[in-house]
Amino acid sequence: MSNLLLLIPLALLLGLLGLAGFIWCLNRDQFDDLEGAAHRILEDEDEDEDEDEA
């Protein structure tokens, strides 16, 4: 029983820290461009460099 008195507040604290971190990321615009990185990885950088040289 004494273990629950420690584990329940600890679990609530960790949950609140996770929620606070998520809200902090939302406020810092971390999730604005979700598709940009997916499109950039498919683009070939070598084609862009070849066009600049010509």
C-alpha atoms as a PDB file:
ATOM      1  CA  MET A   1       0.000   0.000   0.000  1.00  0.00           C
ATOM      2  CA  SER A   2       2.834   2.406   0.753  1.00  0.00           C
ATOM      3  CA  ASN A   3       4.185   1.793  -2.758  1.00  0.00           C
ATOM      4  CA  LEU A   4       0.994   3.218  -4.244  1.00  0.00           C
ATOM      5  CA  LEU A   5       1.415   6.390  -2.228  1.00  0.00           C
ATOM      6  CA  LEU A   6       4.670   6.935  -4.086  1.00  0.00           C
ATOM      7  CA  LEU A   7       3.839   5.554  -7.532  1.00  0.00           C
ATOM      8  CA  ILE A   8       0.516   7.320  -8.143  1.00  0.00           C
ATOM      9  CA  PRO A   9       1.853  10.873  -7.615  1.00  0.00           C
ATOM     10  CA  LEU A  10       4.971   9.961  -9.580  1.00  0.00           C
ATOM     11  CA  ALA A  11       2.859   8.719 -12.511  1.00  0.00           C
ATOM     12  CA  LEU A  12       0.736  11.863 -12.403  1.00  0.00           C
ATOM     13  CA  LEU A  13       3.837  14.043 -12.339  1.00  0.00           C
ATOM     14  CA  LEU A  14       5.364  12.265 -15.335  1.00  0.00           C
ATOM     15  CA  GLY A  15       2.091  12.549 -17.224  1.00  0.00           C
ATOM     16  CA  LEU A  16       1.896  16.271 -16.538  1.00  0.00           C
ATOM     17  CA  LEU A  17       5.521  16.711 -17.635  1.00  0.00           C
ATOM     18  CA  GLY A  18       4.751  14.924 -20.896  1.00  0.00           C
ATOM     19  CA  LEU A  19       1.678  17.079 -21.461  1.00  0.00           C
ATOM     20  CA  ALA A  20       3.634  20.239 -20.680  1.00  0.00           C
ATOM     21  CA  GLY A  21       6.346  19.192 -23.153  1.00  0.00           C
ATOM     22  CA  PHE A  22       3.759  18.545 -25.853  1.00  0.00           C
ATOM     23  CA  ILE A  23       2.087  21.913 -25.302  1.00  0.00           C
ATOM     24  CA  TRP A  24       5.511  23.596 -25.339  1.00  0.00           C
ATOM     25  CA  CYS A  25       6.246  21.990 -28.724  1.00  0.00           C
ATOM     26  CA  LEU A  26       2.898  23.153 -30.084  1.00  0.00           C
ATOM     27  CA  ASN A  27       3.585  26.718 -28.978  1.00  0.00           C
ATOM     28  CA  ARG A  28       7.070  26.654 -30.550  1.00  0.00           C
ATOM     29  CA  ASP A  29       5.560  25.613 -33.939  1.00  0.00           C
ATOM     30  CA  GLN A  30       7.382  22.274 -34.017  1.00  0.00           C
ATOM     31  CA  PHE A  31       4.535  20.606 -35.894  1.00  0.00           C
ATOM     32  CA  ASP A  32       3.858  23.211 -38.591  1.00  0.00           C
ATOM     33  CA  ASP A  33       5.445  21.545 -41.612  1.00  0.00           C
ATOM     34  CA  LEU A  34       4.823  17.825 -41.298  1.00  0.00           C
ATOM     35  CA  GLU A  35       4.977  17.070 -45.027  1.00  0.00           C
ATOM     36  CA  GLY A  36       7.981  19.219 -45.912  1.00  0.00           C
ATOM     37  CA  ALA A  37      10.600  16.794 -44.644  1.00  0.00           C
ATOM     38  CA  ALA A  38       8.878  13.891 -46.368  1.00  0.00           C
ATOM     39  CA  HIS A  39       8.983  15.740 -49.704  1.00  0.00           C
ATOM     40  CA  ARG A  40      12.555  16.970 -49.269  1.00  0.00           C
ATOM     41  CA  ILE A  41      13.905  13.476 -48.766  1.00  0.00           C
ATOM     42  CA  LEU A  42      12.447  12.398 -52.112  1.00  0.00           C
ATOM     43  CA  GLU A  43      14.011  15.259 -54.065  1.00  0.00           C
ATOM     44  CA  ASP A  44      17.347  14.623 -55.711  1.00  0.00           C
ATOM     45  CA  GLU A  45      19.877  17.318 -54.829  1.00  0.00           C
ATOM     46  CA  ASP A  46      22.239  16.306 -57.651  1.00  0.00           C
ATOM     47  CA  GLU A  47      19.751  17.466 -60.311  1.00  0.00           C
ATOM     48  CA  ASP A  48      19.669  20.940 -58.794  1.00  0.00           C
ATOM     49  CA  GLU A  49      23.468  21.176 -58.760  1.00  0.00           C
ATOM     50  CA  ASP A  50      23.726  20.032 -62.417  1.00  0.00           C
ATOM     51  CA  GLU A  51      21.293  22.740 -63.541  1.00  0.00           C
ATOM     52  CA  ASP A  52      23.300  25.421 -61.710  1.00  0.00           C
ATOM     53  CA  GLU A  53      26.541  24.390 -63.411  1.00  0.00           C
ATOM     54  CA  ALA A  54      25.108  24.441 -66.947  1.00  0.00           C
END
